[in-house]
Amino acid sequence: MTPEPTRRHVWVDCSGGYRCPGLVMAWRRAADGWEAQVAVVRGKTVVVQWAPAAALHLVTDDGLDR
């Protein structure tokens, strides 16, 4: 049995109610729960930041396997 690959591509809650595409690079435990270090695409810029786990949403179908 082959294990399902870990999904690391996510949508990240950004300002203005938008979701930006991101890539989880690391995890850490913070005082109020887990945080992920994510590389987030904002326009033509990539920003690396820590985001709370609650702000992340798994990409369920990126359409790349079609």
Protein backbone atom coordinates (compact mmCIF):
# COMPACT_ATOMS: atom_id res chain seq x y z
CA MET A 1 0.00 0.00 0.00
CA THR A 2 1.40 3.39 -0.98
CA PRO A 3 0.79 6.14 1.58
CA GLU A 4 -1.04 9.21 0.37
CA PRO A 5 1.42 12.07 -0.16
CA THR A 6 1.33 14.87 2.36
CA ARG A 7 -0.32 17.91 0.87
CA ARG A 8 1.67 21.01 1.41
CA HIS A 9 0.09 23.38 -1.09
CA VAL A 10 -2.49 25.51 0.71
CA TRP A 11 -4.69 28.55 0.41
CA VAL A 12 -3.79 31.15 3.05
CA ASP A 13 -6.26 33.70 4.41
CA CYS A 14 -4.90 37.12 3.42
CA SER A 15 -6.08 40.64 4.13
CA GLY A 16 -9.29 41.86 2.53
CA GLY A 17 -10.99 38.46 2.76
CA TYR A 18 -8.88 36.95 -0.03
CA ARG A 19 -7.06 33.63 -0.11
CA CYS A 20 -3.56 33.51 -1.56
CA PRO A 21 -1.77 30.39 -2.83
CA GLY A 22 0.96 29.18 -0.50
CA LEU A 23 3.42 26.40 0.22
CA VAL A 24 3.98 25.10 3.77
CA MET A 25 7.70 24.89 4.53
CA ALA A 26 7.77 24.25 8.31
CA TRP A 27 5.60 23.94 11.43
CA ARG A 28 6.04 25.19 14.98
CA ARG A 29 4.00 25.20 18.16
CA ALA A 30 3.04 28.68 19.37
CA ALA A 31 1.38 29.76 22.61
CA ASP A 32 -2.09 29.62 21.03
CA GLY A 33 -1.68 26.58 18.72
CA TRP A 34 0.23 25.49 15.64
CA GLU A 35 1.70 27.85 13.05
CA ALA A 36 3.09 27.11 9.61
CA GLN A 37 5.89 28.92 7.85
CA VAL A 38 4.44 29.50 4.40
CA ALA A 39 5.66 31.02 1.19
CA VAL A 40 2.69 33.06 -0.06
CA VAL A 41 2.24 34.47 -3.56
CA ARG A 42 0.91 38.02 -3.52
CA GLY A 43 0.74 39.46 -6.99
CA LYS A 44 4.26 39.18 -8.40
CA THR A 45 5.86 38.83 -4.97
CA VAL A 46 6.57 35.80 -2.79
CA VAL A 47 6.43 36.50 0.96
CA VAL A 48 7.63 34.01 3.61
CA GLN A 49 5.65 34.35 6.85
CA TRP A 50 4.33 32.47 9.87
CA ALA A 51 0.57 31.90 9.73
CA PRO A 52 -1.77 30.25 12.25
CA ALA A 53 -3.01 26.80 11.22
CA ALA A 54 -6.58 28.13 11.23
CA ALA A 55 -5.67 30.47 8.34
CA LEU A 56 -4.62 27.55 6.10
CA HIS A 57 -6.89 25.58 3.78
CA LEU A 58 -5.70 22.46 1.94
CA VAL A 59 -5.74 22.47 -1.85
CA THR A 60 -8.05 19.56 -2.66
CA ASP A 61 -7.72 19.55 -6.48
CA ASP A 62 -5.07 21.54 -8.26
CA GLY A 63 -5.86 19.90 -11.61
CA LEU A 64 -2.21 19.05 -12.30
CA ASP A 65 -2.79 15.31 -12.67
CA ARG A 66 -5.14 15.66 -15.65
